[in-house]
Amino acid sequence: MLCYLYEYMEIKKQTQIFIAVSYYFVCKYRKKLLVSGHISEDIKQLSYEICQKHHVIIKYMETDKDHIHYMIETEPTMSVSKIVNLMKSYTTYHIWERYPSVHKEKYSNNYYKVKKRIALCHERIANIRKNNLHQISHKLISENQVIVSENLQIKNMVKKPNLAKSISDASWYELTRQLEYKAAWNERKYIKINTFYASSQLCSCCGYQNKGTKDLSVRRWICPKCSTEHDRDVNAARNILAEGLRQIA
């Protein structure tokens, strides 16, 4: 909705004190809103409501093809731009809320333009992610003879709403897939250990199993048996590597 302020109409005076100021302006709406009689009447009613709340009097209001002419009377201290913005935002919001079908036409040319722009954005993100995974997998295969990873149940992990987005963005399955075929190409050994192996619970020094580390919020812990302080991720990585080497020994 667009508004055009044409002119100041009149200033009433009484003993040289300003009492009220009248403004004349035009609000332009989308044509389909004013073609429908009941929507046009709703816009008028909403205009009266917002003006009444802010002590503004509508002296004249007339509907044309795609715009409404207004003449209002208000205090001199009231900014006309404030009145116009209030009427624009208030009427537009409530009309879209009451009549969602008159909102922007679905499957229009602009719809397909935006759809294409969003698709290109997602394609760029996917390409950046895939390129990063190829670089990581290439580096791991080039620098190591044996690569060991944990066979995670990704489908179950993404069920947790607080971790789902981060896990999906990491593309763990794609990384393991790349490692698998690149290891075969380059004659490297790639091992996946069992999903249920307690890699984060075992002490990498003495083998003690601490079931209290099942909670993901525990990032550091001290082994009760050998008093070694562990970082959760580093300790799990050491255990995974040890289990992989044990399997190929």
C-alpha atoms as a PDB file:
ATOM      1  CA  MET A   1       0.000   0.000   0.000  1.00  0.00           C
ATOM      2  CA  LEU A   2       1.343   3.414  -0.980  1.00  0.00           C
ATOM      3  CA  CYS A   3       0.369   6.779   0.452  1.00  0.00           C
ATOM      4  CA  TYR A   4       0.712  10.169  -1.170  1.00  0.00           C
ATOM      5  CA  LEU A   5       0.350  13.355   0.850  1.00  0.00           C
ATOM      6  CA  TYR A   6      -0.948  16.048  -1.472  1.00  0.00           C
ATOM      7  CA  GLU A   7      -1.367  19.205   0.579  1.00  0.00           C
ATOM      8  CA  TYR A   8      -2.278  20.888   3.829  1.00  0.00           C
ATOM      9  CA  MET A   9      -5.872  22.004   3.470  1.00  0.00           C
ATOM     10  CA  GLU A  10      -6.687  24.425   6.257  1.00  0.00           C
ATOM     11  CA  ILE A  11      -5.768  25.646   9.706  1.00  0.00           C
ATOM     12  CA  LYS A  12      -8.522  26.656  12.085  1.00  0.00           C
ATOM     13  CA  LYS A  13      -7.748  29.499  14.437  1.00  0.00           C
ATOM     14  CA  GLN A  14      -9.429  30.824  17.508  1.00  0.00           C
ATOM     15  CA  THR A  15      -7.932  33.777  19.314  1.00  0.00           C
ATOM     16  CA  GLN A  16      -4.664  33.039  17.486  1.00  0.00           C
ATOM     17  CA  ILE A  17      -4.345  29.562  19.063  1.00  0.00           C
ATOM     18  CA  PHE A  18      -4.142  26.514  16.793  1.00  0.00           C
ATOM     19  CA  ILE A  19      -7.015  24.139  17.500  1.00  0.00           C
ATOM     20  CA  ALA A  20      -6.868  21.621  14.652  1.00  0.00           C
ATOM     21  CA  VAL A  21      -5.147  20.975  11.354  1.00  0.00           C
ATOM     22  CA  SER A  22      -6.736  19.251   8.358  1.00  0.00           C
ATOM     23  CA  TYR A  23      -4.738  17.092   5.952  1.00  0.00           C
ATOM     24  CA  TYR A  24      -5.705  15.610   2.597  1.00  0.00           C
ATOM     25  CA  PHE A  25      -3.875  12.518   1.297  1.00  0.00           C
ATOM     26  CA  VAL A  26      -4.353   9.410  -0.834  1.00  0.00           C
ATOM     27  CA  CYS A  27      -3.608   5.789   0.084  1.00  0.00           C
ATOM     28  CA  LYS A  28      -2.983   3.512  -2.876  1.00  0.00           C
ATOM     29  CA  TYR A  29      -3.922  -0.159  -2.489  1.00  0.00           C
ATOM     30  CA  ARG A  30      -3.700  -3.175  -4.762  1.00  0.00           C
ATOM     31  CA  LYS A  31      -6.623  -3.029  -7.159  1.00  0.00           C
ATOM     32  CA  LYS A  32      -8.043  -6.436  -6.203  1.00  0.00           C
ATOM     33  CA  LEU A  33      -8.576  -5.213  -2.619  1.00  0.00           C
ATOM     34  CA  LEU A  34     -10.873  -2.358  -3.581  1.00  0.00           C
ATOM     35  CA  VAL A  35     -12.719  -4.250  -6.328  1.00  0.00           C
ATOM     36  CA  SER A  36     -14.218  -6.476  -3.635  1.00  0.00           C
ATOM     37  CA  GLY A  37     -16.910  -4.494  -1.815  1.00  0.00           C
ATOM     38  CA  HIS A  38     -16.619  -6.192   1.584  1.00  0.00           C
ATOM     39  CA  ILE A  39     -12.824  -5.800   1.668  1.00  0.00           C
ATOM     40  CA  SER A  40     -13.178  -2.129   0.747  1.00  0.00           C
ATOM     41  CA  GLU A  41     -15.643  -1.638   3.605  1.00  0.00           C
ATOM     42  CA  ASP A  42     -13.268  -3.424   6.001  1.00  0.00           C
ATOM     43  CA  ILE A  43     -10.448  -1.065   5.021  1.00  0.00           C
ATOM     44  CA  LYS A  44     -12.682   1.908   5.773  1.00  0.00           C
ATOM     45  CA  GLN A  45     -13.707   0.432   9.122  1.00  0.00           C
ATOM     46  CA  LEU A  46     -10.059  -0.248  10.045  1.00  0.00           C
ATOM     47  CA  SER A  47      -9.158   3.326   9.092  1.00  0.00           C
ATOM     48  CA  TYR A  48     -11.854   4.635  11.436  1.00  0.00           C
ATOM     49  CA  GLU A  49     -10.583   2.355  14.233  1.00  0.00           C
ATOM     50  CA  ILE A  50      -6.954   3.467  14.052  1.00  0.00           C
ATOM     51  CA  CYS A  51      -7.906   7.131  13.776  1.00  0.00           C
ATOM     52  CA  GLN A  52     -10.219   6.878  16.761  1.00  0.00           C
ATOM     53  CA  LYS A  53      -7.412   5.375  18.865  1.00  0.00           C
ATOM     54  CA  HIS A  54      -5.137   8.355  18.137  1.00  0.00           C
ATOM     55  CA  HIS A  55      -7.798  11.084  18.417  1.00  0.00           C
ATOM     56  CA  VAL A  56      -7.873  11.769  14.686  1.00  0.00           C
ATOM     57  CA  ILE A  57     -11.156  12.672  12.965  1.00  0.00           C
ATOM     58  CA  ILE A  58     -11.868  11.474   9.422  1.00  0.00           C
ATOM     59  CA  LYS A  59     -13.843  14.249   7.760  1.00  0.00           C
ATOM     60  CA  TYR A  60     -13.966  12.732   4.307  1.00  0.00           C
ATOM     61  CA  MET A  61     -13.172   9.331   2.791  1.00  0.00           C
ATOM     62  CA  GLU A  62     -13.892   8.158  -0.749  1.00  0.00           C
ATOM     63  CA  THR A  63     -12.889   4.976  -2.586  1.00  0.00           C
ATOM     64  CA  ASP A  64     -11.576   5.086  -6.154  1.00  0.00           C
ATOM     65  CA  LYS A  65     -10.344   2.291  -8.488  1.00  0.00           C
ATOM     66  CA  ASP A  66      -7.122   1.490  -6.623  1.00  0.00           C
ATOM     67  CA  HIS A  67      -6.847   4.170  -3.949  1.00  0.00           C
ATOM     68  CA  ILE A  68      -8.751   5.871  -1.143  1.00  0.00           C
ATOM     69  CA  HIS A  69      -8.952   9.635  -0.617  1.00  0.00           C
ATOM     70  CA  TYR A  70      -8.783  10.823   2.983  1.00  0.00           C
ATOM     71  CA  MET A  71      -9.295  14.145   4.692  1.00  0.00           C
ATOM     72  CA  ILE A  72      -8.487  14.078   8.375  1.00  0.00           C
ATOM     73  CA  GLU A  73      -8.467  16.565  11.210  1.00  0.00           C
ATOM     74  CA  THR A  74      -5.993  16.358  14.077  1.00  0.00           C
ATOM     75  CA  GLU A  75      -3.974  18.358  16.574  1.00  0.00           C
ATOM     76  CA  PRO A  76      -1.111  20.479  15.195  1.00  0.00           C
ATOM     77  CA  THR A  77       1.375  18.492  17.298  1.00  0.00           C
ATOM     78  CA  MET A  78       0.460  15.247  15.542  1.00  0.00           C
ATOM     79  CA  SER A  79       2.839  14.429  12.692  1.00  0.00           C
ATOM     80  CA  VAL A  80       1.066  13.671   9.422  1.00  0.00           C
ATOM     81  CA  SER A  81       3.704  11.083   8.499  1.00  0.00           C
ATOM     82  CA  LYS A  82       2.953   9.269  11.761  1.00  0.00           C
ATOM     83  CA  ILE A  83      -0.762   9.150  10.910  1.00  0.00           C
ATOM     84  CA  VAL A  84      -0.096   7.908   7.387  1.00  0.00           C
ATOM     85  CA  ASN A  85       2.286   5.162   8.585  1.00  0.00           C
ATOM     86  CA  LEU A  86      -0.172   4.043  11.264  1.00  0.00           C
ATOM     87  CA  MET A  87      -2.986   3.747   8.744  1.00  0.00           C
ATOM     88  CA  LYS A  88      -0.758   1.924   6.245  1.00  0.00           C
ATOM     89  CA  SER A  89       0.555  -0.657   8.698  1.00  0.00           C
ATOM     90  CA  TYR A  90      -2.703  -1.187  10.627  1.00  0.00           C
ATOM     91  CA  THR A  91      -5.012  -1.644   7.638  1.00  0.00           C
ATOM     92  CA  THR A  92      -2.558  -3.747   5.603  1.00  0.00           C
ATOM     93  CA  TYR A  93      -1.786  -6.138   8.480  1.00  0.00           C
ATOM     94  CA  HIS A  94      -5.428  -6.790   9.324  1.00  0.00           C
ATOM     95  CA  ILE A  95      -6.543  -7.183   5.698  1.00  0.00           C
ATOM     96  CA  TRP A  96      -3.833  -9.787   4.987  1.00  0.00           C
ATOM     97  CA  GLU A  97      -4.797 -11.548   8.234  1.00  0.00           C
ATOM     98  CA  ARG A  98      -8.514 -11.641   7.399  1.00  0.00           C
ATOM     99  CA  TYR A  99      -8.165 -12.393   3.688  1.00  0.00           C
ATOM    100  CA  PRO A 100      -5.026 -14.498   3.071  1.00  0.00           C
ATOM    101  CA  SER A 101      -6.286 -15.428  -0.402  1.00  0.00           C
ATOM    102  CA  VAL A 102      -5.821 -11.842  -1.659  1.00  0.00           C
ATOM    103  CA  HIS A 103      -2.143 -11.871  -0.730  1.00  0.00           C
ATOM    104  CA  LYS A 104       0.514 -12.040  -3.400  1.00  0.00           C
ATOM    105  CA  GLU A 105      -0.484 -14.356  -6.225  1.00  0.00           C
ATOM    106  CA  LYS A 106       1.006 -17.826  -5.929  1.00  0.00           C
ATOM    107  CA  TYR A 107       3.110 -19.209  -8.792  1.00  0.00           C
ATOM    108  CA  SER A 108       3.472 -15.784 -10.394  1.00  0.00           C
ATOM    109  CA  ASN A 109       6.618 -14.731 -12.298  1.00  0.00           C
ATOM    110  CA  ASN A 110       8.058 -13.171  -9.150  1.00  0.00           C
ATOM    111  CA  TYR A 111       7.391 -16.408  -7.270  1.00  0.00           C
ATOM    112  CA  TYR A 112       9.525 -18.351  -9.749  1.00  0.00           C
ATOM    113  CA  LYS A 113      12.253 -15.680  -9.674  1.00  0.00           C
ATOM    114  CA  VAL A 114      12.532 -15.935  -5.887  1.00  0.00           C
ATOM    115  CA  LYS A 115      12.333 -19.728  -6.060  1.00  0.00           C
ATOM    116  CA  LYS A 116      15.252 -19.798  -8.508  1.00  0.00           C
ATOM    117  CA  ARG A 117      17.282 -17.388  -6.351  1.00  0.00           C
ATOM    118  CA  ILE A 118      16.753 -19.557  -3.250  1.00  0.00           C
ATOM    119  CA  ALA A 119      17.617 -22.737  -5.192  1.00  0.00           C
ATOM    120  CA  LEU A 120      20.882 -21.177  -6.407  1.00  0.00           C
ATOM    121  CA  CYS A 121      21.719 -20.141  -2.839  1.00  0.00           C
ATOM    122  CA  HIS A 122      21.160 -23.690  -1.541  1.00  0.00           C
ATOM    123  CA  GLU A 123      23.137 -25.147  -4.450  1.00  0.00           C
ATOM    124  CA  ARG A 124      26.072 -22.876  -3.590  1.00  0.00           C
ATOM    125  CA  ILE A 125      25.944 -23.966   0.077  1.00  0.00           C
ATOM    126  CA  ALA A 126      25.840 -27.644  -0.947  1.00  0.00           C
ATOM    127  CA  ASN A 127      28.800 -27.196  -3.312  1.00  0.00           C
ATOM    128  CA  ILE A 128      30.868 -25.427  -0.635  1.00  0.00           C
ATOM    129  CA  ARG A 129      30.117 -28.220   1.853  1.00  0.00           C
ATOM    130  CA  LYS A 130      30.966 -30.965  -0.660  1.00  0.00           C
ATOM    131  CA  ASN A 131      34.207 -29.246  -1.656  1.00  0.00           C
ATOM    132  CA  ASN A 132      35.241 -28.968   2.000  1.00  0.00           C
ATOM    133  CA  LEU A 133      34.498 -32.672   2.579  1.00  0.00           C
ATOM    134  CA  HIS A 134      36.569 -33.662  -0.460  1.00  0.00           C
ATOM    135  CA  GLN A 135      39.517 -31.634   0.834  1.00  0.00           C
ATOM    136  CA  ILE A 136      39.277 -33.213   4.311  1.00  0.00           C
ATOM    137  CA  SER A 137      38.914 -36.764   2.977  1.00  0.00           C
ATOM    138  CA  HIS A 138      41.774 -36.274   0.495  1.00  0.00           C
ATOM    139  CA  LYS A 139      44.071 -34.990   3.254  1.00  0.00           C
ATOM    140  CA  LEU A 140      43.201 -37.891   5.591  1.00  0.00           C
ATOM    141  CA  ILE A 141      43.787 -40.509   2.877  1.00  0.00           C
ATOM    142  CA  SER A 142      47.034 -38.889   1.701  1.00  0.00           C
ATOM    143  CA  GLU A 143      48.590 -38.580   5.152  1.00  0.00           C
ATOM    144  CA  ASN A 144      47.536 -41.891   6.774  1.00  0.00           C
ATOM    145  CA  GLN A 145      47.773 -45.606   6.041  1.00  0.00           C
ATOM    146  CA  VAL A 146      44.940 -46.566   8.408  1.00  0.00           C
ATOM    147  CA  ILE A 147      41.803 -44.482   9.047  1.00  0.00           C
ATOM    148  CA  VAL A 148      39.311 -45.502  11.728  1.00  0.00           C
ATOM    149  CA  SER A 149      35.870 -44.001  12.342  1.00  0.00           C
ATOM    150  CA  GLU A 150      32.797 -44.801  14.380  1.00  0.00           C
ATOM    151  CA  ASN A 151      29.752 -46.165  12.554  1.00  0.00           C
ATOM    152  CA  LEU A 152      27.175 -43.703  13.874  1.00  0.00           C
ATOM    153  CA  GLN A 153      23.388 -44.023  13.601  1.00  0.00           C
ATOM    154  CA  ILE A 154      22.750 -40.631  11.992  1.00  0.00           C
ATOM    155  CA  LYS A 155      18.995 -41.200  11.596  1.00  0.00           C
ATOM    156  CA  ASN A 156      18.602 -41.623  15.344  1.00  0.00           C
ATOM    157  CA  MET A 157      20.893 -38.705  16.187  1.00  0.00           C
ATOM    158  CA  VAL A 158      18.963 -36.168  14.073  1.00  0.00           C
ATOM    159  CA  LYS A 159      15.828 -36.917  16.078  1.00  0.00           C
ATOM    160  CA  LYS A 160      17.229 -34.670  18.813  1.00  0.00           C
ATOM    161  CA  PRO A 161      15.938 -31.189  17.899  1.00  0.00           C
ATOM    162  CA  ASN A 162      18.848 -29.316  19.512  1.00  0.00           C
ATOM    163  CA  LEU A 163      21.465 -31.241  17.468  1.00  0.00           C
ATOM    164  CA  ALA A 164      19.638 -32.079  14.232  1.00  0.00           C
ATOM    165  CA  LYS A 165      20.655 -29.004  12.222  1.00  0.00           C
ATOM    166  CA  SER A 166      24.325 -29.156  13.223  1.00  0.00           C
ATOM    167  CA  ILE A 167      24.551 -32.889  12.480  1.00  0.00           C
ATOM    168  CA  SER A 168      22.881 -32.476   9.080  1.00  0.00           C
ATOM    169  CA  ASP A 169      25.202 -29.587   8.170  1.00  0.00           C
ATOM    170  CA  ALA A 170      28.272 -31.656   9.091  1.00  0.00           C
ATOM    171  CA  SER A 171      27.374 -34.368   6.507  1.00  0.00           C
ATOM    172  CA  TRP A 172      29.095 -37.158   8.453  1.00  0.00           C
ATOM    173  CA  TYR A 173      27.743 -39.903   6.212  1.00  0.00           C
ATOM    174  CA  GLU A 174      29.084 -38.197   3.073  1.00  0.00           C
ATOM    175  CA  LEU A 175      32.528 -37.886   4.682  1.00  0.00           C
ATOM    176  CA  THR A 176      32.621 -41.614   5.563  1.00  0.00           C
ATOM    177  CA  ARG A 177      31.400 -42.495   2.057  1.00  0.00           C
ATOM    178  CA  GLN A 178      34.239 -40.498   0.488  1.00  0.00           C
ATOM    179  CA  LEU A 179      36.794 -42.025   2.848  1.00  0.00           C
ATOM    180  CA  GLU A 180      35.576 -45.508   1.954  1.00  0.00           C
ATOM    181  CA  TYR A 181      36.003 -45.277  -1.822  1.00  0.00           C
ATOM    182  CA  LYS A 182      39.155 -43.110  -1.681  1.00  0.00           C
ATOM    183  CA  ALA A 183      40.777 -45.632   0.666  1.00  0.00           C
ATOM    184  CA  ALA A 184      40.018 -48.383  -1.884  1.00  0.00           C
ATOM    185  CA  TRP A 185      41.488 -46.275  -4.706  1.00  0.00           C
ATOM    186  CA  ASN A 186      44.694 -45.497  -2.797  1.00  0.00           C
ATOM    187  CA  GLU A 187      45.117 -48.930  -1.138  1.00  0.00           C
ATOM    188  CA  ARG A 188      44.567 -47.617   2.367  1.00  0.00           C
ATOM    189  CA  LYS A 189      42.754 -49.364   5.227  1.00  0.00           C
ATOM    190  CA  TYR A 190      39.496 -47.781   6.344  1.00  0.00           C
ATOM    191  CA  ILE A 191      37.784 -49.349   9.362  1.00  0.00           C
ATOM    192  CA  LYS A 192      34.384 -48.615  10.884  1.00  0.00           C
ATOM    193  CA  ILE A 193      33.993 -49.742  14.473  1.00  0.00           C
ATOM    194  CA  ASN A 194      30.725 -50.905  16.009  1.00  0.00           C
ATOM    195  CA  THR A 195      28.019 -48.320  16.750  1.00  0.00           C
ATOM    196  CA  PHE A 196      27.644 -49.534  20.336  1.00  0.00           C
ATOM    197  CA  TYR A 197      31.342 -49.349  21.221  1.00  0.00           C
ATOM    198  CA  ALA A 198      31.577 -47.127  24.359  1.00  0.00           C
ATOM    199  CA  SER A 199      34.292 -44.838  22.981  1.00  0.00           C
ATOM    200  CA  SER A 200      33.450 -41.810  25.130  1.00  0.00           C
ATOM    201  CA  GLN A 201      32.962 -43.808  28.349  1.00  0.00           C
ATOM    202  CA  LEU A 202      36.252 -45.723  28.410  1.00  0.00           C
ATOM    203  CA  CYS A 203      39.441 -44.300  29.883  1.00  0.00           C
ATOM    204  CA  SER A 204      42.083 -44.410  27.114  1.00  0.00           C
ATOM    205  CA  CYS A 205      44.814 -44.981  29.737  1.00  0.00           C
ATOM    206  CA  CYS A 206      43.497 -47.764  32.000  1.00  0.00           C
ATOM    207  CA  GLY A 207      40.289 -48.948  30.283  1.00  0.00           C
ATOM    208  CA  TYR A 208      37.932 -48.003  33.141  1.00  0.00           C
ATOM    209  CA  GLN A 209      34.331 -47.437  31.957  1.00  0.00           C
ATOM    210  CA  ASN A 210      32.668 -44.328  33.352  1.00  0.00           C
ATOM    211  CA  LYS A 211      28.933 -44.494  32.581  1.00  0.00           C
ATOM    212  CA  GLY A 212      28.426 -40.970  33.899  1.00  0.00           C
ATOM    213  CA  THR A 213      29.841 -39.560  30.634  1.00  0.00           C
ATOM    214  CA  LYS A 214      26.755 -40.661  28.687  1.00  0.00           C
ATOM    215  CA  ASP A 215      25.441 -37.167  29.323  1.00  0.00           C
ATOM    216  CA  LEU A 216      26.625 -35.002  26.385  1.00  0.00           C
ATOM    217  CA  SER A 217      26.997 -31.968  28.654  1.00  0.00           C
ATOM    218  CA  VAL A 218      30.022 -33.682  30.318  1.00  0.00           C
ATOM    219  CA  ARG A 219      32.929 -32.384  28.215  1.00  0.00           C
ATOM    220  CA  ARG A 220      35.780 -33.148  30.636  1.00  0.00           C
ATOM    221  CA  TRP A 221      36.067 -35.862  33.270  1.00  0.00           C
ATOM    222  CA  ILE A 222      38.647 -37.423  35.603  1.00  0.00           C
ATOM    223  CA  CYS A 223      39.103 -41.192  35.670  1.00  0.00           C
ATOM    224  CA  PRO A 224      38.309 -42.479  39.212  1.00  0.00           C
ATOM    225  CA  LYS A 225      40.792 -45.338  38.761  1.00  0.00           C
ATOM    226  CA  CYS A 226      43.970 -43.697  37.380  1.00  0.00           C
ATOM    227  CA  SER A 227      43.065 -39.987  38.029  1.00  0.00           C
ATOM    228  CA  THR A 228      43.761 -39.008  34.400  1.00  0.00           C
ATOM    229  CA  GLU A 229      41.853 -35.968  33.207  1.00  0.00           C
ATOM    230  CA  HIS A 230      40.209 -36.504  29.817  1.00  0.00           C
ATOM    231  CA  ASP A 231      38.728 -34.276  27.149  1.00  0.00           C
ATOM    232  CA  ARG A 232      35.618 -36.112  25.959  1.00  0.00           C
ATOM    233  CA  ASP A 233      36.343 -35.889  22.195  1.00  0.00           C
ATOM    234  CA  VAL A 234      40.107 -36.505  22.392  1.00  0.00           C
ATOM    235  CA  ASN A 235      39.597 -39.515  24.669  1.00  0.00           C
ATOM    236  CA  ALA A 236      36.922 -40.958  22.351  1.00  0.00           C
ATOM    237  CA  ALA A 237      39.234 -40.501  19.330  1.00  0.00           C
ATOM    238  CA  ARG A 238      42.041 -42.398  21.095  1.00  0.00           C
ATOM    239  CA  ASN A 239      39.689 -45.244  21.992  1.00  0.00           C
ATOM    240  CA  ILE A 240      38.332 -45.465  18.430  1.00  0.00           C
ATOM    241  CA  LEU A 241      41.850 -45.615  16.984  1.00  0.00           C
ATOM    242  CA  ALA A 242      42.926 -48.278  19.499  1.00  0.00           C
ATOM    243  CA  GLU A 243      39.862 -50.423  18.702  1.00  0.00           C
ATOM    244  CA  GLY A 244      40.473 -50.103  14.939  1.00  0.00           C
ATOM    245  CA  LEU A 245      44.114 -51.126  15.274  1.00  0.00           C
ATOM    246  CA  ARG A 246      43.090 -54.052  17.497  1.00  0.00           C
ATOM    247  CA  GLN A 247      40.719 -55.301  14.781  1.00  0.00           C
ATOM    248  CA  ILE A 248      43.371 -55.365  12.058  1.00  0.00           C
ATOM    249  CA  ALA A 249      46.143 -56.759  14.287  1.00  0.00           C
END
